[in-house]
Amino acid sequence: MRARFGSEGDSVEAQVTGRVGGQRRSPVRPAPAAVVGFVYLLPFEGIFSAVVKGSERWLPGQVLSAVSEGGTGSVTFSHALATATAYTVIAAAAGAVLFAQRDVTA
């Protein structure tokens, strides 16, 4: 590309190959936050709630399950809804703080 378009051709080629390469690699390498979330929710939370008595009232996955089921034997619907709402507010506030600290104006 350099012979035909000069240095601008190199820039275009780098952008195109970088974008195509990034799209090709992205399904293979999931985001670290997604991996941590799946590792936490799938095995850890189930094992932890079975071992530690009363923890299903506070674990996020168990609380959301209780909300979707309309309450369980150990977690009432109102408690599950209040806890899930508190977790959502905390996560939204943390996200807002992190977003405000990032330079996204460029």
PDB file of N, CA and C in Angstrom:
ATOM      1  N   MET A   1       0.817  -1.190   0.000  1.00  0.00           N
ATOM      2  CA  MET A   1       0.000   0.000   0.000  1.00  0.00           C
ATOM      3  C   MET A   1       0.862   1.255   0.000  1.00  0.00           C
ATOM      4  N   ARG A   2       2.077   1.158   0.542  1.00  0.00           N
ATOM      5  CA  ARG A   2       2.915   2.352   0.620  1.00  0.00           C
ATOM      6  C   ARG A   2       3.278   2.845  -0.770  1.00  0.00           C
ATOM      7  N   ALA A   3       3.542   1.934  -1.701  1.00  0.00           N
ATOM      8  CA  ALA A   3       3.933   2.344  -3.047  1.00  0.00           C
ATOM      9  C   ALA A   3       2.804   3.109  -3.730  1.00  0.00           C
ATOM     10  N   ARG A   4       1.593   2.748  -3.469  1.00  0.00           N
ATOM     11  CA  ARG A   4       0.486   3.385  -4.153  1.00  0.00           C
ATOM     12  C   ARG A   4      -0.044   4.620  -3.427  1.00  0.00           C
ATOM     13  N   PHE A   5      -0.151   4.551  -2.091  1.00  0.00           N
ATOM     14  CA  PHE A   5      -0.789   5.642  -1.346  1.00  0.00           C
ATOM     15  C   PHE A   5       0.142   6.380  -0.390  1.00  0.00           C
ATOM     16  N   GLY A   6       1.378   5.982  -0.293  1.00  0.00           N
ATOM     17  CA  GLY A   6       2.318   6.641   0.596  1.00  0.00           C
ATOM     18  C   GLY A   6       2.076   6.261   2.046  1.00  0.00           C
ATOM     19  N   SER A   7       2.416   7.149   2.973  1.00  0.00           N
ATOM     20  CA  SER A   7       2.292   6.841   4.397  1.00  0.00           C
ATOM     21  C   SER A   7       0.830   6.722   4.836  1.00  0.00           C
ATOM     22  N   GLU A   8      -0.083   7.391   4.130  1.00  0.00           N
ATOM     23  CA  GLU A   8      -1.496   7.254   4.468  1.00  0.00           C
ATOM     24  C   GLU A   8      -1.975   5.830   4.237  1.00  0.00           C
ATOM     25  N   GLY A   9      -1.419   5.164   3.237  1.00  0.00           N
ATOM     26  CA  GLY A   9      -1.779   3.777   2.961  1.00  0.00           C
ATOM     27  C   GLY A   9      -1.386   2.863   4.099  1.00  0.00           C
ATOM     28  N   ASP A  10      -0.218   3.113   4.708  1.00  0.00           N
ATOM     29  CA  ASP A  10       0.200   2.314   5.859  1.00  0.00           C
ATOM     30  C   ASP A  10      -0.761   2.496   7.024  1.00  0.00           C
ATOM     31  N   SER A  11      -1.215   3.723   7.226  1.00  0.00           N
ATOM     32  CA  SER A  11      -2.147   3.992   8.316  1.00  0.00           C
ATOM     33  C   SER A  11      -3.473   3.282   8.092  1.00  0.00           C
ATOM     34  N   VAL A  12      -3.980   3.339   6.884  1.00  0.00           N
ATOM     35  CA  VAL A  12      -5.237   2.668   6.567  1.00  0.00           C
ATOM     36  C   VAL A  12      -5.083   1.167   6.712  1.00  0.00           C
ATOM     37  N   GLU A  13      -3.978   0.635   6.225  1.00  0.00           N
ATOM     38  CA  GLU A  13      -3.746  -0.811   6.331  1.00  0.00           C
ATOM     39  C   GLU A  13      -3.674  -1.258   7.791  1.00  0.00           C
ATOM     40  N   ALA A  14      -3.015  -0.486   8.629  1.00  0.00           N
ATOM     41  CA  ALA A  14      -2.911  -0.830  10.046  1.00  0.00           C
ATOM     42  C   ALA A  14      -4.275  -0.798  10.717  1.00  0.00           C
ATOM     43  N   GLN A  15      -5.088   0.178  10.360  1.00  0.00           N
ATOM     44  CA  GLN A  15      -6.420   0.262  10.955  1.00  0.00           C
ATOM     45  C   GLN A  15      -7.309  -0.894  10.516  1.00  0.00           C
ATOM     46  N   VAL A  16      -7.256  -1.227   9.232  1.00  0.00           N
ATOM     47  CA  VAL A  16      -8.102  -2.304   8.716  1.00  0.00           C
ATOM     48  C   VAL A  16      -7.673  -3.645   9.296  1.00  0.00           C
ATOM     49  N   THR A  17      -6.385  -3.936   9.277  1.00  0.00           N
ATOM     50  CA  THR A  17      -5.936  -5.235   9.791  1.00  0.00           C
ATOM     51  C   THR A  17      -6.104  -5.317  11.299  1.00  0.00           C
ATOM     52  N   GLY A  18      -5.945  -4.216  11.984  1.00  0.00           N
ATOM     53  CA  GLY A  18      -6.167  -4.221  13.432  1.00  0.00           C
ATOM     54  C   GLY A  18      -7.623  -4.471  13.770  1.00  0.00           C
ATOM     55  N   ARG A  19      -8.527  -3.855  13.027  1.00  0.00           N
ATOM     56  CA  ARG A  19      -9.959  -4.056  13.280  1.00  0.00           C
ATOM     57  C   ARG A  19     -10.370  -5.491  12.961  1.00  0.00           C
ATOM     58  N   VAL A  20      -9.928  -6.012  11.837  1.00  0.00           N
ATOM     59  CA  VAL A  20     -10.284  -7.381  11.469  1.00  0.00           C
ATOM     60  C   VAL A  20      -9.671  -8.361  12.460  1.00  0.00           C
ATOM     61  N   GLY A  21      -8.417  -8.153  12.826  1.00  0.00           N
ATOM     62  CA  GLY A  21      -7.769  -9.040  13.796  1.00  0.00           C
ATOM     63  C   GLY A  21      -8.440  -8.989  15.147  1.00  0.00           C
ATOM     64  N   GLY A  22      -8.872  -7.794  15.558  1.00  0.00           N
ATOM     65  CA  GLY A  22      -9.561  -7.656  16.839  1.00  0.00           C
ATOM     66  C   GLY A  22     -10.911  -8.346  16.829  1.00  0.00           C
ATOM     67  N   GLN A  23     -11.622  -8.262  15.719  1.00  0.00           N
ATOM     68  CA  GLN A  23     -12.918  -8.933  15.630  1.00  0.00           C
ATOM     69  C   GLN A  23     -12.750 -10.440  15.613  1.00  0.00           C
ATOM     70  N   ARG A  24     -11.667 -10.895  15.039  1.00  0.00           N
ATOM     71  CA  ARG A  24     -11.438 -12.335  14.974  1.00  0.00           C
ATOM     72  C   ARG A  24     -11.064 -12.884  16.341  1.00  0.00           C
ATOM     73  N   ARG A  25     -10.331 -12.127  17.148  1.00  0.00           N
ATOM     74  CA  ARG A  25      -9.882 -12.614  18.457  1.00  0.00           C
ATOM     75  C   ARG A  25     -10.918 -12.426  19.558  1.00  0.00           C
ATOM     76  N   SER A  26     -11.820 -11.485  19.415  1.00  0.00           N
ATOM     77  CA  SER A  26     -12.715 -11.156  20.518  1.00  0.00           C
ATOM     78  C   SER A  26     -13.614 -12.304  20.969  1.00  0.00           C
ATOM     79  N   PRO A  27     -14.178 -13.145  20.105  1.00  0.00           N
ATOM     80  CA  PRO A  27     -14.993 -14.245  20.625  1.00  0.00           C
ATOM     81  C   PRO A  27     -14.178 -15.289  21.368  1.00  0.00           C
ATOM     82  N   VAL A  28     -12.895 -15.373  21.059  1.00  0.00           N
ATOM     83  CA  VAL A  28     -12.053 -16.374  21.698  1.00  0.00           C
ATOM     84  C   VAL A  28     -11.668 -15.943  23.105  1.00  0.00           C
ATOM     85  N   ARG A  29     -11.447 -14.657  23.305  1.00  0.00           N
ATOM     86  CA  ARG A  29     -11.028 -14.138  24.607  1.00  0.00           C
ATOM     87  C   ARG A  29     -12.140 -13.304  25.211  1.00  0.00           C
ATOM     88  N   PRO A  30     -12.959 -13.887  26.085  1.00  0.00           N
ATOM     89  CA  PRO A  30     -14.035 -13.100  26.696  1.00  0.00           C
ATOM     90  C   PRO A  30     -13.472 -12.073  27.677  1.00  0.00           C
ATOM     91  N   ALA A  31     -14.279 -11.115  28.013  1.00  0.00           N
ATOM     92  CA  ALA A  31     -13.870 -10.069  28.945  1.00  0.00           C
ATOM     93  C   ALA A  31     -13.604 -10.677  30.322  1.00  0.00           C
ATOM     94  N   PRO A  32     -12.563 -10.207  31.008  1.00  0.00           N
ATOM     95  CA  PRO A  32     -12.253 -10.755  32.338  1.00  0.00           C
ATOM     96  C   PRO A  32     -13.396 -10.627  33.327  1.00  0.00           C
ATOM     97  N   ALA A  33     -14.150  -9.548  33.249  1.00  0.00           N
ATOM     98  CA  ALA A  33     -15.275  -9.384  34.182  1.00  0.00           C
ATOM     99  C   ALA A  33     -16.328 -10.464  33.961  1.00  0.00           C
ATOM    100  N   ALA A  34     -16.564 -10.836  32.718  1.00  0.00           N
ATOM    101  CA  ALA A  34     -17.541 -11.894  32.439  1.00  0.00           C
ATOM    102  C   ALA A  34     -17.063 -13.232  32.986  1.00  0.00           C
ATOM    103  N   VAL A  35     -15.774 -13.501  32.846  1.00  0.00           N
ATOM    104  CA  VAL A  35     -15.228 -14.761  33.362  1.00  0.00           C
ATOM    105  C   VAL A  35     -15.358 -14.809  34.876  1.00  0.00           C
ATOM    106  N   VAL A  36     -14.996 -13.732  35.537  1.00  0.00           N
ATOM    107  CA  VAL A  36     -15.103 -13.686  37.000  1.00  0.00           C
ATOM    108  C   VAL A  36     -16.558 -13.830  37.429  1.00  0.00           C
ATOM    109  N   GLY A  37     -17.473 -13.198  36.724  1.00  0.00           N
ATOM    110  CA  GLY A  37     -18.888 -13.309  37.049  1.00  0.00           C
ATOM    111  C   GLY A  37     -19.406 -14.727  36.927  1.00  0.00           C
ATOM    112  N   PHE A  38     -19.046 -15.418  35.849  1.00  0.00           N
ATOM    113  CA  PHE A  38     -19.498 -16.796  35.677  1.00  0.00           C
ATOM    114  C   PHE A  38     -18.871 -17.724  36.707  1.00  0.00           C
ATOM    115  N   VAL A  39     -17.601 -17.525  37.003  1.00  0.00           N
ATOM    116  CA  VAL A  39     -16.949 -18.368  38.009  1.00  0.00           C
ATOM    117  C   VAL A  39     -17.588 -18.143  39.375  1.00  0.00           C
ATOM    118  N   TYR A  40     -17.956 -16.908  39.662  1.00  0.00           N
ATOM    119  CA  TYR A  40     -18.587 -16.616  40.952  1.00  0.00           C
ATOM    120  C   TYR A  40     -19.989 -17.215  41.020  1.00  0.00           C
ATOM    121  N   LEU A  41     -20.808 -16.926  40.020  1.00  0.00           N
ATOM    122  CA  LEU A  41     -22.214 -17.325  40.089  1.00  0.00           C
ATOM    123  C   LEU A  41     -22.423 -18.826  39.935  1.00  0.00           C
ATOM    124  N   LEU A  42     -21.704 -19.448  39.034  1.00  0.00           N
ATOM    125  CA  LEU A  42     -22.000 -20.856  38.773  1.00  0.00           C
ATOM    126  C   LEU A  42     -21.542 -21.774  39.905  1.00  0.00           C
ATOM    127  N   PRO A  43     -20.251 -21.965  40.125  1.00  0.00           N
ATOM    128  CA  PRO A  43     -19.897 -22.927  41.178  1.00  0.00           C
ATOM    129  C   PRO A  43     -19.806 -22.322  42.575  1.00  0.00           C
ATOM    130  N   PHE A  44     -19.221 -21.147  42.691  1.00  0.00           N
ATOM    131  CA  PHE A  44     -18.909 -20.616  44.010  1.00  0.00           C
ATOM    132  C   PHE A  44     -20.152 -20.333  44.835  1.00  0.00           C
ATOM    133  N   GLU A  45     -21.091 -19.634  44.250  1.00  0.00           N
ATOM    134  CA  GLU A  45     -22.254 -19.226  45.034  1.00  0.00           C
ATOM    135  C   GLU A  45     -23.110 -20.421  45.442  1.00  0.00           C
ATOM    136  N   GLY A  46     -23.244 -21.387  44.574  1.00  0.00           N
ATOM    137  CA  GLY A  46     -24.003 -22.584  44.928  1.00  0.00           C
ATOM    138  C   GLY A  46     -23.361 -23.368  46.055  1.00  0.00           C
ATOM    139  N   ILE A  47     -22.058 -23.537  45.983  1.00  0.00           N
ATOM    140  CA  ILE A  47     -21.334 -24.268  47.038  1.00  0.00           C
ATOM    141  C   ILE A  47     -21.374 -23.477  48.342  1.00  0.00           C
ATOM    142  N   PHE A  48     -21.125 -22.184  48.261  1.00  0.00           N
ATOM    143  CA  PHE A  48     -21.083 -21.350  49.458  1.00  0.00           C
ATOM    144  C   PHE A  48     -22.434 -21.326  50.165  1.00  0.00           C
ATOM    145  N   SER A  49     -23.515 -21.218  49.396  1.00  0.00           N
ATOM    146  CA  SER A  49     -24.833 -21.177  50.026  1.00  0.00           C
ATOM    147  C   SER A  49     -25.206 -22.527  50.631  1.00  0.00           C
ATOM    148  N   ALA A  50     -24.661 -23.624  50.104  1.00  0.00           N
ATOM    149  CA  ALA A  50     -24.930 -24.939  50.678  1.00  0.00           C
ATOM    150  C   ALA A  50     -24.132 -25.157  51.959  1.00  0.00           C
ATOM    151  N   VAL A  51     -22.954 -24.568  52.049  1.00  0.00           N
ATOM    152  CA  VAL A  51     -22.071 -24.784  53.195  1.00  0.00           C
ATOM    153  C   VAL A  51     -22.371 -23.809  54.329  1.00  0.00           C
ATOM    154  N   VAL A  52     -22.571 -22.536  54.017  1.00  0.00           N
ATOM    155  CA  VAL A  52     -22.784 -21.504  55.034  1.00  0.00           C
ATOM    156  C   VAL A  52     -24.276 -21.259  55.200  1.00  0.00           C
ATOM    157  N   LYS A  53     -24.767 -21.552  56.364  1.00  0.00           N
ATOM    158  CA  LYS A  53     -26.205 -21.432  56.631  1.00  0.00           C
ATOM    159  C   LYS A  53     -26.628 -19.958  56.684  1.00  0.00           C
ATOM    160  N   GLY A  54     -27.718 -19.627  56.028  1.00  0.00           N
ATOM    161  CA  GLY A  54     -28.240 -18.269  56.043  1.00  0.00           C
ATOM    162  C   GLY A  54     -27.622 -17.346  55.004  1.00  0.00           C
ATOM    163  N   SER A  55     -26.657 -17.818  54.237  1.00  0.00           N
ATOM    164  CA  SER A  55     -26.003 -16.934  53.274  1.00  0.00           C
ATOM    165  C   SER A  55     -26.864 -16.670  52.048  1.00  0.00           C
ATOM    166  N   GLU A  56     -27.868 -17.507  51.798  1.00  0.00           N
ATOM    167  CA  GLU A  56     -28.708 -17.282  50.619  1.00  0.00           C
ATOM    168  C   GLU A  56     -29.515 -15.992  50.732  1.00  0.00           C
ATOM    169  N   ARG A  57     -29.612 -15.419  51.929  1.00  0.00           N
ATOM    170  CA  ARG A  57     -30.311 -14.148  52.099  1.00  0.00           C
ATOM    171  C   ARG A  57     -29.497 -12.961  51.575  1.00  0.00           C
ATOM    172  N   TRP A  58     -28.180 -13.159  51.346  1.00  0.00           N
ATOM    173  CA  TRP A  58     -27.326 -12.030  50.970  1.00  0.00           C
ATOM    174  C   TRP A  58     -26.566 -12.235  49.668  1.00  0.00           C
ATOM    175  N   LEU A  59     -26.443 -13.445  49.176  1.00  0.00           N
ATOM    176  CA  LEU A  59     -25.705 -13.684  47.943  1.00  0.00           C
ATOM    177  C   LEU A  59     -26.516 -13.192  46.740  1.00  0.00           C
ATOM    178  N   PRO A  60     -25.890 -12.431  45.846  1.00  0.00           N
ATOM    179  CA  PRO A  60     -26.639 -11.799  44.749  1.00  0.00           C
ATOM    180  C   PRO A  60     -27.404 -12.786  43.865  1.00  0.00           C
ATOM    181  N   GLY A  61     -26.785 -13.878  43.482  1.00  0.00           N
ATOM    182  CA  GLY A  61     -27.470 -14.842  42.623  1.00  0.00           C
ATOM    183  C   GLY A  61     -28.664 -15.479  43.298  1.00  0.00           C
ATOM    184  N   GLN A  62     -28.531 -15.801  44.576  1.00  0.00           N
ATOM    185  CA  GLN A  62     -29.624 -16.396  45.325  1.00  0.00           C
ATOM    186  C   GLN A  62     -30.754 -15.390  45.529  1.00  0.00           C
ATOM    187  N   VAL A  63     -30.385 -14.137  45.771  1.00  0.00           N
ATOM    188  CA  VAL A  63     -31.388 -13.086  45.962  1.00  0.00           C
ATOM    189  C   VAL A  63     -32.169 -12.854  44.669  1.00  0.00           C
ATOM    190  N   LEU A  64     -31.469 -12.810  43.538  1.00  0.00           N
ATOM    191  CA  LEU A  64     -32.160 -12.614  42.264  1.00  0.00           C
ATOM    192  C   LEU A  64     -33.050 -13.804  41.922  1.00  0.00           C
ATOM    193  N   SER A  65     -32.614 -15.000  42.285  1.00  0.00           N
ATOM    194  CA  SER A  65     -33.462 -16.183  42.087  1.00  0.00           C
ATOM    195  C   SER A  65     -34.724 -16.080  42.934  1.00  0.00           C
ATOM    196  N   ALA A  66     -34.569 -15.618  44.158  1.00  0.00           N
ATOM    197  CA  ALA A  66     -35.738 -15.457  45.034  1.00  0.00           C
ATOM    198  C   ALA A  66     -36.699 -14.409  44.491  1.00  0.00           C
ATOM    199  N   VAL A  67     -36.168 -13.341  43.893  1.00  0.00           N
ATOM    200  CA  VAL A  67     -37.034 -12.320  43.292  1.00  0.00           C
ATOM    201  C   VAL A  67     -37.794 -12.924  42.115  1.00  0.00           C
ATOM    202  N   SER A  68     -37.109 -13.684  41.271  1.00  0.00           N
ATOM    203  CA  SER A  68     -37.773 -14.248  40.093  1.00  0.00           C
ATOM    204  C   SER A  68     -38.800 -15.314  40.456  1.00  0.00           C
ATOM    205  N   GLU A  69     -38.602 -15.976  41.596  1.00  0.00           N
ATOM    206  CA  GLU A  69     -39.540 -17.015  42.024  1.00  0.00           C
ATOM    207  C   GLU A  69     -40.653 -16.475  42.920  1.00  0.00           C
ATOM    208  N   GLY A  70     -40.593 -15.211  43.263  1.00  0.00           N
ATOM    209  CA  GLY A  70     -41.603 -14.634  44.144  1.00  0.00           C
ATOM    210  C   GLY A  70     -41.360 -14.969  45.600  1.00  0.00           C
ATOM    211  N   GLY A  71     -40.124 -15.257  45.939  1.00  0.00           N
ATOM    212  CA  GLY A  71     -39.768 -15.622  47.306  1.00  0.00           C
ATOM    213  C   GLY A  71     -39.490 -17.118  47.405  1.00  0.00           C
ATOM    214  N   THR A  72     -38.705 -17.496  48.388  1.00  0.00           N
ATOM    215  CA  THR A  72     -38.409 -18.908  48.627  1.00  0.00           C
ATOM    216  C   THR A  72     -38.704 -19.223  50.086  1.00  0.00           C
ATOM    217  N   GLY A  73     -38.377 -20.444  50.486  1.00  0.00           N
ATOM    218  CA  GLY A  73     -38.612 -20.824  51.870  1.00  0.00           C
ATOM    219  C   GLY A  73     -37.733 -20.075  52.848  1.00  0.00           C
ATOM    220  N   SER A  74     -36.562 -19.667  52.428  1.00  0.00           N
ATOM    221  CA  SER A  74     -35.645 -18.988  53.334  1.00  0.00           C
ATOM    222  C   SER A  74     -35.527 -17.491  53.094  1.00  0.00           C
ATOM    223  N   VAL A  75     -36.004 -17.021  51.936  1.00  0.00           N
ATOM    224  CA  VAL A  75     -35.906 -15.592  51.602  1.00  0.00           C
ATOM    225  C   VAL A  75     -37.280 -15.117  51.134  1.00  0.00           C
ATOM    226  N   THR A  76     -37.814 -14.133  51.828  1.00  0.00           N
ATOM    227  CA  THR A  76     -39.105 -13.587  51.400  1.00  0.00           C
ATOM    228  C   THR A  76     -38.915 -12.696  50.178  1.00  0.00           C
ATOM    229  N   PHE A  77     -40.000 -12.506  49.454  1.00  0.00           N
ATOM    230  CA  PHE A  77     -39.934 -11.683  48.253  1.00  0.00           C
ATOM    231  C   PHE A  77     -39.542 -10.249  48.580  1.00  0.00           C
ATOM    232  N   SER A  78     -40.097  -9.686  49.640  1.00  0.00           N
ATOM    233  CA  SER A  78     -39.810  -8.286  49.975  1.00  0.00           C
ATOM    234  C   SER A  78     -38.344  -8.106  50.366  1.00  0.00           C
ATOM    235  N   HIS A  79     -37.799  -9.055  51.139  1.00  0.00           N
ATOM    236  CA  HIS A  79     -36.384  -8.962  51.509  1.00  0.00           C
ATOM    237  C   HIS A  79     -35.501  -9.113  50.275  1.00  0.00           C
ATOM    238  N   ALA A  80     -35.841 -10.055  49.405  1.00  0.00           N
ATOM    239  CA  ALA A  80     -35.048 -10.271  48.190  1.00  0.00           C
ATOM    240  C   ALA A  80     -35.096  -9.039  47.293  1.00  0.00           C
ATOM    241  N   LEU A  81     -36.270  -8.441  47.170  1.00  0.00           N
ATOM    242  CA  LEU A  81     -36.409  -7.252  46.329  1.00  0.00           C
ATOM    243  C   LEU A  81     -35.628  -6.076  46.899  1.00  0.00           C
ATOM    244  N   ALA A  82     -35.689  -5.884  48.201  1.00  0.00           N
ATOM    245  CA  ALA A  82     -34.936  -4.788  48.829  1.00  0.00           C
ATOM    246  C   ALA A  82     -33.431  -5.003  48.684  1.00  0.00           C
ATOM    247  N   THR A  83     -32.983  -6.230  48.876  1.00  0.00           N
ATOM    248  CA  THR A  83     -31.555  -6.524  48.750  1.00  0.00           C
ATOM    249  C   THR A  83     -31.094  -6.349  47.306  1.00  0.00           C
ATOM    250  N   ALA A  84     -31.869  -6.841  46.351  1.00  0.00           N
ATOM    251  CA  ALA A  84     -31.512  -6.691  44.938  1.00  0.00           C
ATOM    252  C   ALA A  84     -31.488  -5.221  44.537  1.00  0.00           C
ATOM    253  N   THR A  85     -32.416  -4.437  45.053  1.00  0.00           N
ATOM    254  CA  THR A  85     -32.428  -3.003  44.761  1.00  0.00           C
ATOM    255  C   THR A  85     -31.198  -2.316  45.341  1.00  0.00           C
ATOM    256  N   ALA A  86     -30.818  -2.686  46.550  1.00  0.00           N
ATOM    257  CA  ALA A  86     -29.620  -2.113  47.165  1.00  0.00           C
ATOM    258  C   ALA A  86     -28.378  -2.474  46.363  1.00  0.00           C
ATOM    259  N   TYR A  87     -28.268  -3.730  45.924  1.00  0.00           N
ATOM    260  CA  TYR A  87     -27.126  -4.134  45.104  1.00  0.00           C
ATOM    261  C   TYR A  87     -27.092  -3.361  43.788  1.00  0.00           C
ATOM    262  N   THR A  88     -28.259  -3.131  43.194  1.00  0.00           N
ATOM    263  CA  THR A  88     -28.324  -2.396  41.932  1.00  0.00           C
ATOM    264  C   THR A  88     -27.905  -0.946  42.120  1.00  0.00           C
ATOM    265  N   VAL A  89     -28.353  -0.317  43.185  1.00  0.00           N
ATOM    266  CA  VAL A  89     -27.974   1.079  43.460  1.00  0.00           C
ATOM    267  C   VAL A  89     -26.469   1.188  43.701  1.00  0.00           C
ATOM    268  N   ILE A  90     -25.912   0.254  44.462  1.00  0.00           N
ATOM    269  CA  ILE A  90     -24.472   0.273  44.740  1.00  0.00           C
ATOM    270  C   ILE A  90     -23.681   0.074  43.447  1.00  0.00           C
ATOM    271  N   ALA A  91     -24.108  -0.873  42.614  1.00  0.00           N
ATOM    272  CA  ALA A  91     -23.401  -1.114  41.350  1.00  0.00           C
ATOM    273  C   ALA A  91     -23.497   0.090  40.420  1.00  0.00           C
ATOM    274  N   ALA A  92     -24.663   0.729  40.366  1.00  0.00           N
ATOM    275  CA  ALA A  92     -24.830   1.911  39.522  1.00  0.00           C
ATOM    276  C   ALA A  92     -23.968   3.070  40.013  1.00  0.00           C
ATOM    277  N   ALA A  93     -23.894   3.253  41.315  1.00  0.00           N
ATOM    278  CA  ALA A  93     -23.050   4.325  41.872  1.00  0.00           C
ATOM    279  C   ALA A  93     -21.574   4.057  41.591  1.00  0.00           C
ATOM    280  N   ALA A  94     -21.156   2.807  41.759  1.00  0.00           N
ATOM    281  CA  ALA A  94     -19.756   2.465  41.465  1.00  0.00           C
ATOM    282  C   ALA A  94     -19.462   2.667  39.988  1.00  0.00           C
ATOM    283  N   GLY A  95     -20.385   2.284  39.134  1.00  0.00           N
ATOM    284  CA  GLY A  95     -20.202   2.495  37.695  1.00  0.00           C
ATOM    285  C   GLY A  95     -20.144   3.966  37.332  1.00  0.00           C
ATOM    286  N   ALA A  96     -20.964   4.781  37.970  1.00  0.00           N
ATOM    287  CA  ALA A  96     -20.951   6.219  37.700  1.00  0.00           C
ATOM    288  C   ALA A  96     -19.639   6.855  38.140  1.00  0.00           C
ATOM    289  N   VAL A  97     -19.132   6.432  39.297  1.00  0.00           N
ATOM    290  CA  VAL A  97     -17.853   6.960  39.781  1.00  0.00           C
ATOM    291  C   VAL A  97     -16.727   6.562  38.838  1.00  0.00           C
ATOM    292  N   LEU A  98     -16.698   5.296  38.422  1.00  0.00           N
ATOM    293  CA  LEU A  98     -15.638   4.847  37.512  1.00  0.00           C
ATOM    294  C   LEU A  98     -15.750   5.527  36.155  1.00  0.00           C
ATOM    295  N   PHE A  99     -16.975   5.710  35.675  1.00  0.00           N
ATOM    296  CA  PHE A  99     -17.166   6.375  34.387  1.00  0.00           C
ATOM    297  C   PHE A  99     -16.722   7.829  34.448  1.00  0.00           C
ATOM    298  N   ALA A 100     -16.989   8.500  35.550  1.00  0.00           N
ATOM    299  CA  ALA A 100     -16.605   9.905  35.699  1.00  0.00           C
ATOM    300  C   ALA A 100     -15.092  10.083  35.750  1.00  0.00           C
ATOM    301  N   GLN A 101     -14.380   9.057  36.223  1.00  0.00           N
ATOM    302  CA  GLN A 101     -12.934   9.150  36.317  1.00  0.00           C
ATOM    303  C   GLN A 101     -12.237   8.857  34.988  1.00  0.00           C
ATOM    304  N   ARG A 102     -12.925   8.285  34.047  1.00  0.00           N
ATOM    305  CA  ARG A 102     -12.324   7.949  32.761  1.00  0.00           C
ATOM    306  C   ARG A 102     -12.357   9.159  31.835  1.00  0.00           C
ATOM    307  N   ASP A 103     -11.380   9.241  30.973  1.00  0.00           N
ATOM    308  CA  ASP A 103     -11.343  10.312  29.991  1.00  0.00           C
ATOM    309  C   ASP A 103     -12.040   9.808  28.732  1.00  0.00           C
ATOM    310  N   VAL A 104     -13.289  10.139  28.574  1.00  0.00           N
ATOM    311  CA  VAL A 104     -14.054   9.678  27.425  1.00  0.00           C
ATOM    312  C   VAL A 104     -14.410  10.837  26.497  1.00  0.00           C
ATOM    313  N   THR A 105     -13.723  11.951  26.636  1.00  0.00           N
ATOM    314  CA  THR A 105     -14.050  13.104  25.814  1.00  0.00           C
ATOM    315  C   THR A 105     -13.373  13.061  24.443  1.00  0.00           C
ATOM    316  N   ALA A 106     -12.340  12.250  24.306  1.00  0.00           N
ATOM    317  CA  ALA A 106     -11.602  12.231  23.031  1.00  0.00           C
ATOM    318  C   ALA A 106     -12.288  11.411  21.980  1.00  0.00           C
TER     319      ALA A 106
END
